[in-house]
N, C-alpha and C. Protein backbone atom coordinates (compact mmCIF):
# COMPACT_ATOMS: atom_id res chain seq x y z
N MET A 1 24.31 -26.91 26.72
CA MET A 1 24.99 -25.66 27.02
C MET A 1 23.94 -24.60 27.32
N PRO A 2 24.11 -23.86 28.41
CA PRO A 2 23.16 -22.79 28.73
C PRO A 2 23.18 -21.69 27.66
N THR A 3 22.09 -20.99 27.55
CA THR A 3 21.96 -19.90 26.59
C THR A 3 21.81 -18.59 27.35
N ILE A 4 22.48 -17.55 26.85
CA ILE A 4 22.30 -16.20 27.39
C ILE A 4 21.83 -15.30 26.27
N THR A 5 21.20 -14.21 26.63
CA THR A 5 20.77 -13.21 25.65
C THR A 5 21.64 -11.98 25.84
N LEU A 6 22.14 -11.46 24.75
CA LEU A 6 23.04 -10.31 24.78
C LEU A 6 22.41 -9.18 23.97
N SER A 7 22.26 -8.04 24.58
CA SER A 7 21.74 -6.87 23.87
C SER A 7 22.90 -6.03 23.35
N VAL A 8 22.79 -5.59 22.11
CA VAL A 8 23.81 -4.73 21.51
C VAL A 8 23.11 -3.55 20.85
N PRO A 9 23.80 -2.42 20.73
CA PRO A 9 23.21 -1.27 20.05
C PRO A 9 22.95 -1.58 18.57
N GLU A 10 21.99 -0.89 18.00
CA GLU A 10 21.61 -1.11 16.60
C GLU A 10 22.79 -1.00 15.64
N ASP A 11 23.64 0.02 15.84
CA ASP A 11 24.76 0.20 14.92
C ASP A 11 25.74 -0.97 14.99
N LEU A 12 25.93 -1.52 16.17
CA LEU A 12 26.80 -2.68 16.31
C LEU A 12 26.19 -3.88 15.61
N LYS A 13 24.89 -4.08 15.78
CA LYS A 13 24.21 -5.20 15.12
C LYS A 13 24.31 -5.06 13.60
N ARG A 14 24.16 -3.86 13.08
CA ARG A 14 24.29 -3.66 11.62
C ARG A 14 25.69 -4.06 11.17
N GLY A 15 26.70 -3.66 11.94
CA GLY A 15 28.07 -4.04 11.61
C GLY A 15 28.27 -5.55 11.66
N MET A 16 27.67 -6.20 12.64
CA MET A 16 27.76 -7.65 12.74
C MET A 16 27.08 -8.31 11.54
N ASP A 17 25.96 -7.75 11.13
CA ASP A 17 25.21 -8.31 10.00
C ASP A 17 26.00 -8.21 8.69
N GLU A 18 26.92 -7.29 8.62
CA GLU A 18 27.74 -7.15 7.42
C GLU A 18 28.77 -8.27 7.30
N SER A 19 28.99 -8.98 8.40
CA SER A 19 29.96 -10.08 8.40
C SER A 19 29.27 -11.35 8.90
N LYS A 20 28.34 -11.83 8.13
CA LYS A 20 27.56 -13.00 8.54
C LYS A 20 28.40 -14.27 8.63
N GLU A 21 29.57 -14.28 7.99
CA GLU A 21 30.42 -15.47 8.04
C GLU A 21 31.10 -15.64 9.40
N ILE A 22 31.05 -14.60 10.23
CA ILE A 22 31.64 -14.64 11.57
C ILE A 22 30.66 -15.32 12.52
N ASN A 23 31.17 -16.23 13.32
CA ASN A 23 30.37 -16.88 14.35
C ASN A 23 30.40 -15.98 15.59
N TRP A 24 29.43 -15.07 15.67
CA TRP A 24 29.42 -14.07 16.73
C TRP A 24 29.25 -14.70 18.11
N SER A 25 28.58 -15.84 18.18
CA SER A 25 28.46 -16.53 19.46
C SER A 25 29.83 -16.97 19.95
N GLU A 26 30.66 -17.46 19.04
CA GLU A 26 32.01 -17.88 19.42
C GLU A 26 32.86 -16.68 19.82
N VAL A 27 32.70 -15.57 19.12
CA VAL A 27 33.43 -14.35 19.48
C VAL A 27 33.06 -13.94 20.91
N ALA A 28 31.76 -13.97 21.22
CA ALA A 28 31.31 -13.60 22.57
C ALA A 28 31.83 -14.60 23.61
N ARG A 29 31.76 -15.90 23.30
CA ARG A 29 32.26 -16.91 24.23
C ARG A 29 33.74 -16.70 24.52
N THR A 30 34.50 -16.41 23.49
CA THR A 30 35.94 -16.19 23.66
C THR A 30 36.21 -14.97 24.53
N ALA A 31 35.48 -13.89 24.29
CA ALA A 31 35.66 -12.67 25.08
C ALA A 31 35.26 -12.91 26.54
N ILE A 32 34.16 -13.62 26.75
CA ILE A 32 33.70 -13.89 28.11
C ILE A 32 34.69 -14.82 28.82
N ARG A 33 35.16 -15.84 28.12
CA ARG A 33 36.14 -16.77 28.70
C ARG A 33 37.40 -16.00 29.12
N SER A 34 37.84 -15.11 28.26
CA SER A 34 39.03 -14.31 28.56
C SER A 34 38.82 -13.44 29.79
N LYS A 35 37.65 -12.83 29.87
CA LYS A 35 37.34 -11.96 31.02
C LYS A 35 37.30 -12.76 32.31
N VAL A 36 36.67 -13.93 32.27
CA VAL A 36 36.60 -14.78 33.46
C VAL A 36 38.00 -15.19 33.90
N SER A 37 38.85 -15.52 32.94
CA SER A 37 40.23 -15.89 33.25
C SER A 37 40.97 -14.72 33.90
N GLN A 38 40.78 -13.53 33.35
CA GLN A 38 41.43 -12.35 33.92
C GLN A 38 40.95 -12.10 35.35
N LEU A 39 39.66 -12.28 35.58
CA LEU A 39 39.11 -12.05 36.91
C LEU A 39 39.66 -13.07 37.91
N LYS A 40 39.83 -14.32 37.48
CA LYS A 40 40.41 -15.33 38.36
C LYS A 40 41.83 -14.94 38.74
N ILE A 41 42.60 -14.48 37.76
CA ILE A 41 43.97 -14.05 38.03
C ILE A 41 43.97 -12.86 38.98
N LEU A 42 43.09 -11.92 38.74
CA LEU A 42 43.00 -10.74 39.60
C LEU A 42 42.64 -11.13 41.03
N LYS A 43 41.71 -12.06 41.18
CA LYS A 43 41.33 -12.50 42.53
C LYS A 43 42.50 -13.19 43.22
N THR A 44 43.24 -14.00 42.48
CA THR A 44 44.40 -14.68 43.05
C THR A 44 45.44 -13.67 43.51
N ILE A 45 45.71 -12.70 42.66
CA ILE A 45 46.69 -11.67 43.00
C ILE A 45 46.22 -10.85 44.19
N SER A 46 44.96 -10.44 44.17
CA SER A 46 44.47 -9.58 45.24
C SER A 46 44.39 -10.31 46.57
N ALA A 47 44.17 -11.63 46.54
CA ALA A 47 44.12 -12.40 47.79
C ALA A 47 45.48 -12.42 48.47
N LYS A 48 46.55 -12.36 47.69
CA LYS A 48 47.91 -12.42 48.23
C LYS A 48 48.53 -11.03 48.37
N SER A 49 47.79 -10.02 47.98
CA SER A 49 48.33 -8.67 47.89
C SER A 49 47.84 -7.80 49.04
N LYS A 50 48.55 -6.70 49.22
CA LYS A 50 48.14 -5.71 50.20
C LYS A 50 47.39 -4.57 49.52
N LEU A 51 47.05 -4.76 48.24
CA LEU A 51 46.28 -3.74 47.53
C LEU A 51 44.92 -3.57 48.18
N THR A 52 44.43 -2.37 48.16
CA THR A 52 43.07 -2.14 48.66
C THR A 52 42.08 -2.55 47.57
N GLU A 53 40.82 -2.65 47.93
CA GLU A 53 39.79 -2.99 46.94
C GLU A 53 39.75 -1.91 45.85
N LYS A 54 39.93 -0.66 46.23
CA LYS A 54 39.95 0.43 45.27
C LYS A 54 41.10 0.25 44.27
N ASP A 55 42.28 -0.10 44.77
CA ASP A 55 43.43 -0.35 43.90
C ASP A 55 43.14 -1.49 42.94
N ALA A 56 42.54 -2.56 43.45
CA ALA A 56 42.23 -3.72 42.62
C ALA A 56 41.22 -3.36 41.53
N LEU A 57 40.22 -2.57 41.87
CA LEU A 57 39.23 -2.14 40.87
C LEU A 57 39.88 -1.29 39.78
N GLU A 58 40.78 -0.42 40.17
CA GLU A 58 41.47 0.42 39.19
C GLU A 58 42.34 -0.45 38.28
N LEU A 59 43.02 -1.43 38.84
CA LEU A 59 43.81 -2.36 38.03
C LEU A 59 42.91 -3.12 37.06
N GLY A 60 41.76 -3.56 37.54
CA GLY A 60 40.80 -4.25 36.67
C GLY A 60 40.33 -3.37 35.53
N ARG A 61 40.07 -2.11 35.82
CA ARG A 61 39.65 -1.17 34.76
C ARG A 61 40.74 -1.02 33.70
N LYS A 62 41.98 -0.94 34.15
CA LYS A 62 43.10 -0.80 33.21
C LYS A 62 43.22 -2.06 32.35
N ILE A 63 43.03 -3.21 32.97
CA ILE A 63 43.07 -4.47 32.21
C ILE A 63 41.94 -4.48 31.19
N ASN A 64 40.75 -4.08 31.60
CA ASN A 64 39.60 -4.05 30.69
C ASN A 64 39.87 -3.13 29.50
N GLU A 65 40.41 -1.97 29.76
CA GLU A 65 40.72 -1.02 28.69
C GLU A 65 41.73 -1.62 27.72
N SER A 66 42.74 -2.26 28.27
CA SER A 66 43.76 -2.88 27.43
C SER A 66 43.16 -4.00 26.59
N LEU A 67 42.34 -4.83 27.20
CA LEU A 67 41.68 -5.92 26.47
C LEU A 67 40.78 -5.36 25.38
N HIS A 68 40.05 -4.31 25.69
CA HIS A 68 39.18 -3.68 24.70
C HIS A 68 39.99 -3.18 23.50
N ARG A 69 41.09 -2.53 23.77
CA ARG A 69 41.95 -2.03 22.68
C ARG A 69 42.45 -3.20 21.83
N ASP A 70 42.87 -4.27 22.50
CA ASP A 70 43.39 -5.43 21.77
C ASP A 70 42.31 -6.08 20.91
N LEU A 71 41.11 -6.21 21.45
CA LEU A 71 40.02 -6.85 20.71
C LEU A 71 39.52 -5.96 19.58
N ALA A 72 39.67 -4.65 19.74
CA ALA A 72 39.20 -3.72 18.72
C ALA A 72 40.10 -3.73 17.48
N LYS A 73 41.32 -4.23 17.64
CA LYS A 73 42.28 -4.23 16.50
C LYS A 73 41.91 -5.28 15.49
C-alpha cells in the first residue's frame, strides 16, 4: 500500500494524541475514500448536466461543507 504524509496543525495533533486508541490512518483513509467517491459522483453528474464549471465548483464546496459538518459531529 502506498504511503502519504499528512501535515496537521499542532493543536490538531495534540487532540489526536489525546485519543491514541483511534486509528488515525483509518480515519484519514475513510475521509479520503469518501471524498473520492463524492468527486466521482460529481463528475458523473456534471458530465450529463448543463451546469457550468462555476456551478459545479460551488456545488462541490457545499458538499465539502456538509461533509465537514457531518465528520465534526
